Structure formats: structure tokens, C-alpha cells
Amino acid sequence: MKTERTGGRNNGLGAAGAAVTLAGVLVNGLAYLVPVLAARRLDPADLSALATALGLVAIVGVPGLGLQLAVAVHHARHGTSDTRRLTAVTAAVCAGTLIVATPLLMAALDLPIEVPALLAVTTAAIVLSSRSLGELQGGQRFLRLAVGMALLAAGRYGGVIAGLLLGAGMTGALAGGALTAALAPVLLARLARAPRGPSTAPRLTVAQVVAGCGATLAMLVVSYADLLLARQLLPPSGSGAYSVGTVLTKGALWAPQVAAVLALPRLARGDRRSRTVALTVTGVCGLVLVLASTLAGGLAFRLAGGPDYTHLGRYAPLFAAIGALYAVTFVLLNDRLAAGVRWAAAPLWAGTAGLVTVAATIRPRTVNGLLFAALGTAIATTLIMAVTARRPPGVPAPGPGDQISPPRASPPEDGGRSRPPGRAYGRKPPDPAAPPG
């Protein structure tokens, strides 16, 4: 595969992929460490409150992930443009939602009055940081992207971990998290800073950010729908067993995501080879994980949930297959978003609706009953996405009111000469074979 010239040196995509993978491991590791420490430092009531608070940040912060996705695609297609105002508005809406909902959160979730304000600070910082991550991803500065991911994770979780270790309690830990998170946008802005000249690129629109947010939300909903249904439909023992199995699903889902991260800027520029490579890497990774769980299913369940769940090893390949299928689906979803397709996430919402309908109709009461319904949904969703994700070769199909402009090459990180745009940037893109969507 071609190498990218960054900082005057040729850095292979293998090195960039390894860096992004390590950063992802760090992010997930810190996120996992928080509940582990909290379970040992807090009483059950505060532990539940902390878990609820962090869950609220994850939910309300979804627009930040959508913003990163939209900024990355826009930067890759058009070059640098001013996205500060839209970023500020998105952060204000997310943080303001928590502030306005303070009375409801206090009454419904029994949270102290100061917690929503602390969560609002953390959420705003995450959303503001997402803009810098999107610029780094769209500019294919993947080594800096990895550093940025690590910095944001340290800011998001570092203060919480420090507060727990120091015995500051639930509120003190959240206050420490808000303080360290507030530093992240400044550091990431410096990391993503590049020389700026006059730009003719169109502005990032609200519709593009909304599309990114909708796609991100659809990813989360479709991949967690079966777990939520298990909580409602299965007895406590079955629900617990199913939650352990979904650990394997999430592992198969997120393990190959580095391929989608590296491919997104090239997909935005109409590089069909990158889509083929990303799908191949994701598919092979999923196949390996399914085979491994087939051979060592009992061990996989033992590692995920302990010796009490070893007997469920026969289900391990099915849980892994669900994650592997959705990993492929998400690569295709990124490709549709990069092409400017309307309602790119519609197959995922349809899959979620289908699973809920089937579950409500047959009301499975066993792990294998719900598991087969979830697997069938994953297969159908992937097939629908594969059919709808087809597009003509060349550059991406423009979205509504969007014009493809030749993006400037991303500036090198230490003054060296950057790689010039490819041939596709210098010519007018062909008209799409069919209207987007």
C-alpha cells in the first residue's frame, strides 16, 4: 500500500495503523479502569451514580463523534475550512441540554445538583476536541491523530481516576474529570494547528453534522439493541449471561475499526481501492475472531465473565459473528457518508426496528433465542447495506448543495514537502449514476 509523507519522512500506513490501534487500546483501557476502581473505592449508591453520570456523557456526547466524522469527510474532500462556529454551537447545545435537564436528572436518576454542571463541562470539552480529531483524520495525519486520541482519553478519564485514587468520592472524581477534560481542547487545537491561507472551501453545514450524528447514533443503537432487549426479556441469569457474550461482540466489532479510520479520508476522495482494502481487512479480522471463538469459546467466556460462564462457550462464535458483521456494516456506512448520501444510516435503523419487532413478537426467553434473532438482524442489515452502498467509480457523489472542490494537500508536520493531491482532485467529478440515497 502507498505510504504517506508526513514530517518529511515516509511513514507507512502500517505504522499509522499501529499508532491508532494503540491509542484505541489506551482509550478503552482507561474507560475500563474507571468502573474497576470505582467498585473498590465507592459505596454501591455512589458507584451506581458514577456509572450513570459517565453513561450520560457518552450519550449526550454522541454529537461530538458525529462532528468528528463530518469534519474529517469535509476536510478530506475540500481541504481546510473554518468549522469553529459550528463546533461551538454543537458543544453549547450538548452542554446546555444537561444544564436544562438538571431538575429531571435529579428527580429521575437521584443525582446531586452539581453533577449535571460537571458533566456539561466534560461534554463540551469532548465535543470541542472532536473538531481537532476530525481535522487530523481528514488530513491523514494519523500519527498526530493517535496522540490526540490519547490526550483526549487522558483528559476525559484521568481526572476521574485521580479523584478515585485520592478518595475524593463520586462528586470529587467527576470534578477532577471536568478539570482535566477542559484542558483537552486547547492541547488538541495546538496539535492540529496547521498553516492556514485563504480558503475557497465551502463551509461545513449543519446538515452534514446532523448526518454524522445520525450515523453515529445508529451505530450505537443497532449494536446495543440486543443487550437492552436481553435486560427486558430474559430472566436475570440469562440477561447476565447475554451481557457477558456481548463482550465478545464488542471485541469483534471494534478490533478492526482502525481500517475504517485510515480509509475514511480516502473514501471521501472517491478511492474505491481503499474501500476494498478496508472491507478485506475488516472481514478477515472478523473471520479470524469467529474461528478463534469457535475453537476456544469456553476460554473466551471464562476471560469475559469468569468460570461461572464457561459452559456458554458454544455461543461464542455467534456473538463474535454479530460483531464481525456490524464491523463490515460500519465500513460501508462510512463509505456512504463519504459519498454524501442522504439517509446513509437508514439500513441500520431498519435493522434495529426489525429486531425490536421480532423480539416483541416471539418474546424469546432464552439466550439462544434472542441470540439467533440478533444474528439474523446483523446478517440482514449487512446485506442491505452492501446493496445500497454501491456507487459509481471515481470521486464521491456530491450531497445536496455540495460541490467538490480540490482539497489542498495537508501541510507536513515539520516543514517537509507534502504529498500532492491525486489525479481525481484536478478534474470535475462525473455525475452520479443515480441521485444520492
Protein backbone atom coordinates (compact mmCIF):
# COMPACT_ATOMS: atom_id res chain seq x y z
CA MET A 1 0.00 0.00 0.00
CA LYS A 2 1.19 3.52 -0.64
CA THR A 3 2.91 5.40 2.10
CA GLU A 4 2.10 8.90 3.17
CA ARG A 5 4.76 11.52 3.53
CA THR A 6 4.48 13.09 6.94
CA GLY A 7 7.04 15.33 8.57
CA GLY A 8 9.50 14.89 5.69
CA ARG A 9 9.71 11.15 6.25
CA ASN A 10 7.87 8.26 4.66
CA ASN A 11 5.64 6.72 7.29
CA GLY A 12 3.86 3.57 6.18
CA LEU A 13 0.19 3.19 6.87
CA GLY A 14 1.21 0.18 8.93
CA ALA A 15 2.94 2.43 11.45
CA ALA A 16 -0.02 4.83 11.43
CA GLY A 17 -2.42 1.94 11.92
CA ALA A 18 -0.36 0.59 14.81
CA ALA A 19 -0.33 4.02 16.46
CA VAL A 20 -4.10 4.47 16.10
CA THR A 21 -4.66 0.93 17.39
CA LEU A 22 -2.51 1.56 20.46
CA ALA A 23 -4.37 4.81 21.08
CA GLY A 24 -7.67 2.96 20.87
CA VAL A 25 -6.41 0.37 23.36
CA LEU A 26 -5.45 3.20 25.73
CA VAL A 27 -8.88 4.84 25.37
CA ASN A 28 -10.70 1.59 26.12
CA GLY A 29 -8.27 0.70 28.89
CA LEU A 30 -8.82 3.96 30.76
CA ALA A 31 -12.59 3.69 30.26
CA TYR A 32 -12.46 0.17 31.74
CA LEU A 33 -10.23 1.23 34.65
CA VAL A 34 -12.75 3.79 35.92
CA PRO A 35 -15.50 1.31 36.92
CA VAL A 36 -12.90 -1.15 38.24
CA LEU A 37 -11.51 1.49 40.61
CA ALA A 38 -14.95 2.86 41.43
CA ALA A 39 -16.15 -0.59 42.51
CA ARG A 40 -13.34 -0.66 45.07
CA ARG A 41 -13.47 2.97 46.23
CA LEU A 42 -17.17 3.87 46.32
CA ASP A 43 -20.22 2.51 48.08
CA PRO A 44 -22.91 0.94 45.89
CA ALA A 45 -25.03 4.11 45.71
CA ASP A 46 -22.14 6.32 44.58
CA LEU A 47 -20.89 3.60 42.24
CA SER A 48 -24.27 3.49 40.51
CA ALA A 49 -24.39 7.31 40.35
CA LEU A 50 -20.91 7.50 38.80
CA ALA A 51 -21.76 4.84 36.21
CA THR A 52 -24.97 6.72 35.37
CA ALA A 53 -23.09 10.01 35.07
CA LEU A 54 -20.49 8.57 32.71
CA GLY A 55 -23.27 6.97 30.69
CA LEU A 56 -24.92 10.36 30.32
CA VAL A 57 -21.67 11.85 28.99
CA ALA A 58 -21.42 9.02 26.45
CA ILE A 59 -25.00 9.58 25.27
CA VAL A 60 -25.01 13.39 25.18
CA GLY A 61 -21.52 13.37 23.63
CA VAL A 62 -22.69 11.45 20.54
CA PRO A 63 -22.87 14.70 18.51
CA GLY A 64 -19.13 15.06 19.14
CA LEU A 65 -18.48 11.77 17.35
CA GLY A 66 -20.76 12.87 14.53
CA LEU A 67 -18.92 16.20 14.34
CA GLN A 68 -15.56 14.43 14.07
CA LEU A 69 -16.88 12.26 11.27
CA ALA A 70 -18.35 15.23 9.38
CA VAL A 71 -15.21 17.36 9.80
CA ALA A 72 -12.97 14.50 8.62
CA VAL A 73 -15.01 13.93 5.46
CA HIS A 74 -15.30 17.65 4.72
CA HIS A 75 -11.58 18.25 5.27
CA ALA A 76 -10.62 15.32 3.04
CA ARG A 77 -12.89 16.48 0.21
CA HIS A 78 -12.36 20.23 0.34
CA GLY A 79 -9.29 20.99 2.43
CA THR A 80 -9.17 23.31 5.40
CA SER A 81 -12.24 25.40 6.21
CA ASP A 82 -13.44 27.29 9.28
CA THR A 83 -15.58 24.98 11.43
CA ARG A 84 -15.12 26.80 14.74
CA ARG A 85 -18.56 28.40 14.93
CA LEU A 86 -20.43 25.19 14.14
CA THR A 87 -18.26 23.34 16.66
CA ALA A 88 -19.00 25.91 19.36
CA VAL A 89 -22.73 25.71 18.69
CA THR A 90 -22.67 21.90 18.84
CA ALA A 91 -20.77 21.96 22.14
CA ALA A 92 -23.13 24.57 23.58
CA VAL A 93 -26.21 22.53 22.62
CA CYS A 94 -24.81 19.36 24.19
CA ALA A 95 -23.73 21.08 27.41
CA GLY A 96 -26.89 23.17 27.58
CA THR A 97 -29.03 20.06 27.33
CA LEU A 98 -27.51 18.73 30.54
CA ILE A 99 -27.92 22.06 32.33
CA VAL A 100 -31.57 22.43 31.31
CA ALA A 101 -32.27 18.82 32.27
CA THR A 102 -30.79 19.24 35.78
CA PRO A 103 -34.15 19.05 37.62
CA LEU A 104 -35.17 15.97 35.63
CA LEU A 105 -31.82 14.25 36.23
CA MET A 106 -32.01 14.99 39.95
CA ALA A 107 -35.53 13.59 40.23
CA ALA A 108 -35.30 10.61 37.88
CA LEU A 109 -31.71 9.49 38.49
CA ASP A 110 -31.17 10.81 42.03
CA LEU A 111 -28.05 12.76 41.05
CA PRO A 112 -26.66 15.61 43.19
CA ILE A 113 -27.42 19.09 41.89
CA GLU A 114 -23.79 19.83 40.99
CA VAL A 115 -23.29 16.70 38.86
CA PRO A 116 -25.08 17.86 35.67
CA ALA A 117 -22.95 21.05 35.62
CA LEU A 118 -19.75 18.99 35.93
CA LEU A 119 -20.94 16.67 33.18
CA ALA A 120 -21.74 19.67 30.99
CA VAL A 121 -18.14 20.88 31.25
CA THR A 122 -16.80 17.43 30.36
CA THR A 123 -19.22 17.02 27.45
CA ALA A 124 -18.43 20.45 25.99
CA ALA A 125 -14.70 19.67 26.16
CA ILE A 126 -15.18 16.36 24.36
CA VAL A 127 -17.22 17.97 21.57
CA LEU A 128 -14.73 20.82 21.12
CA SER A 129 -11.89 18.29 20.94
CA SER A 130 -13.73 16.29 18.28
CA ARG A 131 -13.18 19.08 15.75
CA SER A 132 -9.40 18.76 16.06
CA LEU A 133 -9.56 14.98 15.80
CA GLY A 134 -11.66 15.31 12.64
CA GLU A 135 -9.15 17.70 11.07
CA LEU A 136 -6.28 15.33 11.85
CA GLN A 137 -8.17 12.34 10.46
CA GLY A 138 -9.32 14.18 7.34
CA GLY A 139 -5.80 15.46 6.71
CA GLN A 140 -4.42 11.90 7.08
CA ARG A 141 -2.13 12.98 9.92
CA PHE A 142 -2.70 9.68 11.64
CA LEU A 143 0.27 9.73 13.99
CA ARG A 144 -0.93 13.02 15.42
CA LEU A 145 -4.47 11.63 15.45
CA ALA A 146 -3.24 8.80 17.68
CA VAL A 147 -1.61 11.32 20.02
CA GLY A 148 -4.81 13.37 20.04
CA MET A 149 -6.92 10.33 20.91
CA ALA A 150 -4.59 9.54 23.81
CA LEU A 151 -4.69 13.14 25.07
CA LEU A 152 -8.47 13.27 24.98
CA ALA A 153 -8.73 9.93 26.81
CA ALA A 154 -6.29 11.16 29.46
CA GLY A 155 -8.31 14.35 29.88
CA ARG A 156 -11.65 12.57 29.92
CA TYR A 157 -10.74 9.81 32.37
CA GLY A 158 -7.50 10.93 34.03
CA GLY A 159 -9.11 13.33 36.48
CA VAL A 160 -11.79 10.80 37.41
CA ILE A 161 -9.16 8.14 38.07
CA ALA A 162 -7.07 10.55 40.13
CA GLY A 163 -10.11 11.57 42.16
CA LEU A 164 -10.96 7.94 42.90
CA LEU A 165 -7.38 7.13 43.91
CA LEU A 166 -7.28 10.16 46.21
CA GLY A 167 -10.57 9.19 47.85
CA ALA A 168 -12.40 12.31 46.66
CA GLY A 169 -15.70 10.47 46.31
CA MET A 170 -18.07 10.43 43.38
CA THR A 171 -18.52 14.19 43.08
CA GLY A 172 -14.83 14.88 43.59
CA ALA A 173 -13.91 12.37 40.91
CA LEU A 174 -16.30 14.00 38.45
CA ALA A 175 -14.91 17.43 39.32
CA GLY A 176 -11.39 16.18 38.63
CA GLY A 177 -12.60 14.74 35.34
CA ALA A 178 -14.19 18.05 34.33
CA LEU A 179 -10.97 19.91 35.15
CA THR A 180 -8.67 17.66 33.12
CA ALA A 181 -11.18 17.37 30.28
CA ALA A 182 -11.29 21.17 29.99
CA LEU A 183 -7.58 21.16 29.13
CA ALA A 184 -8.01 18.75 26.20
CA PRO A 185 -9.47 21.16 23.58
CA VAL A 186 -6.56 23.58 24.00
CA LEU A 187 -3.94 20.85 23.67
CA LEU A 188 -5.65 19.23 20.69
CA ALA A 189 -6.09 22.56 18.93
CA ARG A 190 -2.33 23.12 19.15
CA LEU A 191 -1.70 19.57 17.96
CA ALA A 192 -3.97 20.01 14.92
CA ARG A 193 -2.81 23.54 14.11
CA ALA A 194 -1.53 23.98 10.55
CA PRO A 195 -0.55 26.99 8.44
CA ARG A 196 -3.71 28.49 7.01
CA GLY A 197 -4.02 30.52 3.85
CA PRO A 198 -7.04 31.90 2.02
CA SER A 199 -9.58 29.10 1.66
CA THR A 200 -12.17 28.71 -1.07
CA ALA A 201 -13.63 25.59 0.53
CA PRO A 202 -17.37 25.63 1.29
CA ARG A 203 -18.38 25.79 4.91
CA LEU A 204 -19.33 22.69 6.82
CA THR A 205 -23.10 22.71 7.09
CA VAL A 206 -25.46 21.79 9.89
CA ALA A 207 -26.95 19.09 7.65
CA GLN A 208 -23.56 17.39 7.32
CA VAL A 209 -23.05 17.38 11.09
CA VAL A 210 -26.58 16.08 11.64
CA ALA A 211 -25.89 13.28 9.15
CA GLY A 212 -22.72 12.34 11.03
CA CYS A 213 -24.57 12.42 14.36
CA GLY A 214 -27.37 10.27 12.99
CA ALA A 215 -24.92 7.71 11.67
CA THR A 216 -23.00 7.57 14.95
CA LEU A 217 -26.20 7.19 16.94
CA ALA A 218 -27.40 4.45 14.59
CA MET A 219 -24.13 2.55 15.12
CA LEU A 220 -24.56 2.64 18.89
CA VAL A 221 -28.26 1.76 18.86
CA VAL A 222 -28.06 -1.20 16.49
CA SER A 223 -25.03 -2.68 18.29
CA TYR A 224 -26.59 -2.34 21.77
CA ALA A 225 -30.23 -3.14 20.94
CA ASP A 226 -29.95 -6.86 21.70
CA LEU A 227 -28.29 -6.15 25.07
CA LEU A 228 -31.13 -3.80 26.04
CA LEU A 229 -33.70 -6.36 24.90
CA ALA A 230 -31.97 -9.05 26.96
CA ARG A 231 -32.47 -6.87 30.04
CA GLN A 232 -36.20 -6.72 29.32
CA LEU A 233 -36.95 -10.22 28.02
CA LEU A 234 -34.58 -12.66 29.73
CA PRO A 235 -34.54 -13.74 33.37
CA PRO A 236 -31.70 -12.27 35.48
CA SER A 237 -29.41 -15.26 34.93
CA GLY A 238 -30.00 -15.20 31.19
CA SER A 239 -29.58 -11.43 30.98
CA GLY A 240 -26.27 -11.67 32.84
CA ALA A 241 -25.05 -14.43 30.55
CA TYR A 242 -26.06 -12.45 27.47
CA SER A 243 -24.21 -9.37 28.73
CA VAL A 244 -21.05 -11.45 29.05
CA GLY A 245 -21.49 -12.69 25.49
CA THR A 246 -21.79 -9.15 24.18
CA VAL A 247 -18.23 -8.54 25.38
CA LEU A 248 -17.18 -10.85 22.54
CA THR A 249 -19.50 -8.98 20.18
CA LYS A 250 -17.92 -5.63 21.04
CA GLY A 251 -14.42 -7.10 20.71
CA ALA A 252 -15.15 -8.34 17.18
CA LEU A 253 -16.85 -5.05 16.36
CA TRP A 254 -14.14 -2.62 17.46
CA ALA A 255 -10.96 -4.67 16.90
CA PRO A 256 -10.72 -3.87 13.14
CA GLN A 257 -12.00 -0.28 13.35
CA VAL A 258 -8.55 1.12 12.63
CA ALA A 259 -9.14 0.11 8.99
CA ALA A 260 -12.21 2.37 8.82
CA VAL A 261 -10.34 5.24 10.49
CA LEU A 262 -7.48 5.10 7.99
CA ALA A 263 -9.77 4.61 4.99
CA LEU A 264 -12.27 7.41 5.67
CA PRO A 265 -10.27 10.33 4.15
CA ARG A 266 -9.56 8.31 1.01
CA LEU A 267 -13.17 7.21 0.76
CA ALA A 268 -14.14 10.88 0.84
CA ARG A 269 -11.92 11.39 -2.21
CA GLY A 270 -13.53 8.54 -4.15
CA ASP A 271 -10.76 5.96 -3.69
CA ARG A 272 -12.56 2.67 -4.24
CA ARG A 273 -9.39 0.68 -3.64
CA SER A 274 -9.33 1.95 -0.05
CA ARG A 275 -12.87 0.70 0.43
CA THR A 276 -11.86 -2.73 -0.89
CA VAL A 277 -8.82 -2.84 1.39
CA ALA A 278 -10.80 -1.70 4.45
CA LEU A 279 -13.54 -4.27 3.81
CA THR A 280 -10.96 -7.02 3.26
CA VAL A 281 -9.05 -6.22 6.44
CA THR A 282 -12.26 -5.94 8.46
CA GLY A 283 -13.69 -9.16 7.03
CA VAL A 284 -10.51 -11.16 7.57
CA CYS A 285 -10.18 -9.88 11.13
CA GLY A 286 -13.79 -10.84 11.85
CA LEU A 287 -13.31 -14.29 10.34
CA VAL A 288 -10.22 -14.92 12.46
CA LEU A 289 -12.06 -13.88 15.63
CA VAL A 290 -15.05 -16.09 14.80
CA LEU A 291 -12.77 -19.09 14.17
CA ALA A 292 -10.83 -18.40 17.37
CA SER A 293 -14.05 -18.24 19.39
CA THR A 294 -15.16 -21.50 17.78
CA LEU A 295 -12.00 -23.26 18.91
CA ALA A 296 -11.80 -21.63 22.34
CA GLY A 297 -15.33 -20.49 23.15
CA GLY A 298 -15.21 -21.69 26.73
CA LEU A 299 -11.97 -19.84 27.38
CA ALA A 300 -13.39 -16.69 25.77
CA PHE A 301 -16.41 -16.73 28.09
CA ARG A 302 -14.18 -17.51 31.07
CA LEU A 303 -12.00 -14.49 30.31
CA ALA A 304 -15.02 -12.25 29.71
CA GLY A 305 -17.14 -13.24 32.70
CA GLY A 306 -15.38 -15.77 34.90
CA PRO A 307 -15.60 -19.53 35.42
CA ASP A 308 -19.37 -19.45 36.00
CA TYR A 309 -19.91 -18.72 32.29
CA THR A 310 -17.53 -21.25 30.73
CA HIS A 311 -20.41 -23.59 29.85
CA LEU A 312 -21.74 -20.98 27.40
CA GLY A 313 -18.72 -21.35 25.12
CA ARG A 314 -20.82 -22.90 22.33
CA TYR A 315 -22.43 -19.48 21.81
CA ALA A 316 -19.12 -17.63 21.47
CA PRO A 317 -18.87 -17.90 17.63
CA LEU A 318 -22.38 -16.45 17.24
CA PHE A 319 -21.67 -13.45 19.46
CA ALA A 320 -18.40 -12.86 17.60
CA ALA A 321 -20.16 -13.20 14.23
CA ILE A 322 -22.63 -10.44 15.15
CA GLY A 323 -19.75 -8.08 15.95
CA ALA A 324 -17.86 -9.04 12.79
CA LEU A 325 -20.90 -8.38 10.61
CA TYR A 326 -21.54 -4.97 12.13
CA ALA A 327 -17.86 -4.09 11.70
CA VAL A 328 -18.29 -4.62 7.94
CA THR A 329 -21.55 -2.67 8.04
CA PHE A 330 -19.85 0.30 9.67
CA VAL A 331 -17.15 0.41 6.98
CA LEU A 332 -19.91 0.54 4.37
CA LEU A 333 -21.70 3.23 6.38
CA ASN A 334 -18.56 5.38 6.40
CA ASP A 335 -18.33 4.91 2.65
CA ARG A 336 -21.92 6.14 2.19
CA LEU A 337 -21.29 9.15 4.40
CA ALA A 338 -18.11 9.95 2.49
CA ALA A 339 -20.15 9.87 -0.73
CA GLY A 340 -22.60 12.45 0.63
CA VAL A 341 -25.54 10.02 0.56
CA ARG A 342 -28.76 11.08 2.23
CA TRP A 343 -30.10 8.85 4.98
CA ALA A 344 -26.90 6.81 4.96
CA ALA A 345 -27.80 5.08 8.22
CA ALA A 346 -31.33 4.06 7.15
CA PRO A 347 -30.46 0.32 6.90
CA LEU A 348 -29.19 0.38 10.50
CA TRP A 349 -32.37 1.98 11.79
CA ALA A 350 -34.38 -0.52 9.76
CA GLY A 351 -32.36 -3.37 11.28
CA THR A 352 -32.98 -2.06 14.79
CA ALA A 353 -36.70 -1.73 14.13
CA GLY A 354 -36.76 -5.25 12.70
CA LEU A 355 -35.02 -6.75 15.74
CA VAL A 356 -37.34 -4.97 18.16
CA THR A 357 -40.38 -6.12 16.17
CA VAL A 358 -39.22 -9.75 16.04
CA ALA A 359 -38.33 -9.74 19.74
CA ALA A 360 -41.68 -8.21 20.69
CA THR A 361 -43.49 -10.81 18.58
CA ILE A 362 -41.76 -14.02 19.60
CA ARG A 363 -40.58 -12.77 23.03
CA PRO A 364 -37.58 -15.11 23.40
CA ARG A 365 -36.88 -16.21 26.97
CA THR A 366 -33.53 -17.93 26.41
CA VAL A 367 -30.08 -16.74 25.44
CA ASN A 368 -30.03 -18.73 22.22
CA GLY A 369 -33.49 -17.49 21.19
CA LEU A 370 -32.52 -13.82 21.40
CA LEU A 371 -29.06 -14.57 20.03
CA PHE A 372 -30.39 -16.08 16.80
CA ALA A 373 -32.75 -13.11 16.34
CA ALA A 374 -29.80 -10.73 16.79
CA LEU A 375 -27.63 -12.72 14.37
CA GLY A 376 -30.36 -12.73 11.74
CA THR A 377 -30.72 -8.98 12.12
CA ALA A 378 -26.97 -8.48 11.70
CA ILE A 379 -26.93 -10.60 8.53
CA ALA A 380 -29.92 -8.79 7.01
CA THR A 381 -28.57 -5.34 7.91
CA THR A 382 -25.16 -6.10 6.41
CA LEU A 383 -26.69 -7.41 3.18
CA ILE A 384 -28.96 -4.37 2.82
CA MET A 385 -26.06 -2.01 3.47
CA ALA A 386 -23.89 -3.86 0.94
CA VAL A 387 -26.55 -3.44 -1.74
CA THR A 388 -27.29 0.20 -1.02
CA ALA A 389 -23.60 1.15 -0.63
CA ARG A 390 -22.81 0.58 -4.30
CA ARG A 391 -21.72 3.74 -6.12
CA PRO A 392 -20.03 4.58 -9.40
CA PRO A 393 -16.23 4.51 -9.61
CA GLY A 394 -14.25 7.70 -9.26
CA VAL A 395 -14.90 10.50 -6.83
CA PRO A 396 -17.73 10.63 -4.30
CA ALA A 397 -21.22 11.59 -5.27
CA PRO A 398 -21.93 15.13 -4.08
CA GLY A 399 -24.51 15.70 -1.42
CA PRO A 400 -27.31 18.23 -1.67
CA GLY A 401 -25.89 21.64 -2.48
CA ASP A 402 -22.35 20.31 -2.15
CA GLN A 403 -19.70 20.95 -4.74
CA ILE A 404 -16.47 19.03 -4.88
CA SER A 405 -13.50 21.37 -4.64
CA PRO A 406 -9.89 20.30 -5.00
CA PRO A 407 -8.60 19.89 -1.44
CA ARG A 408 -5.20 21.25 -0.63
CA ALA A 409 -2.65 18.75 0.49
CA SER A 410 -2.32 18.60 4.27
CA PRO A 411 0.72 20.53 5.48
CA PRO A 412 3.67 18.44 6.60
CA GLU A 413 4.29 18.18 10.31
CA ASP A 414 7.84 19.50 10.32
CA GLY A 415 8.19 21.58 7.19
CA GLY A 416 8.86 18.88 4.60
CA ARG A 417 7.08 18.73 1.27
CA SER A 418 3.66 17.16 1.46
CA ARG A 419 2.25 14.70 -1.00
CA PRO A 420 0.24 16.49 -3.72
CA PRO A 421 -3.38 15.66 -4.33
CA GLY A 422 -4.08 12.74 -6.62
CA ARG A 423 -5.44 12.93 -10.11
CA ALA A 424 -9.04 12.78 -9.00
CA TYR A 425 -8.79 16.23 -7.40
CA GLY A 426 -7.93 18.09 -10.54
CA ARG A 427 -10.92 17.24 -12.65
CA LYS A 428 -14.64 17.72 -12.42
CA PRO A 429 -16.26 14.62 -10.93
CA PRO A 430 -18.64 12.63 -13.11
CA ASP A 431 -22.32 12.91 -12.40
CA PRO A 432 -23.60 10.12 -10.17
CA ALA A 433 -25.44 7.28 -11.85
CA ALA A 434 -28.39 7.81 -9.53
CA PRO A 435 -29.47 10.51 -7.10
CA PRO A 436 -27.89 10.13 -3.63
CA GLY A 437 -29.88 7.98 -1.27
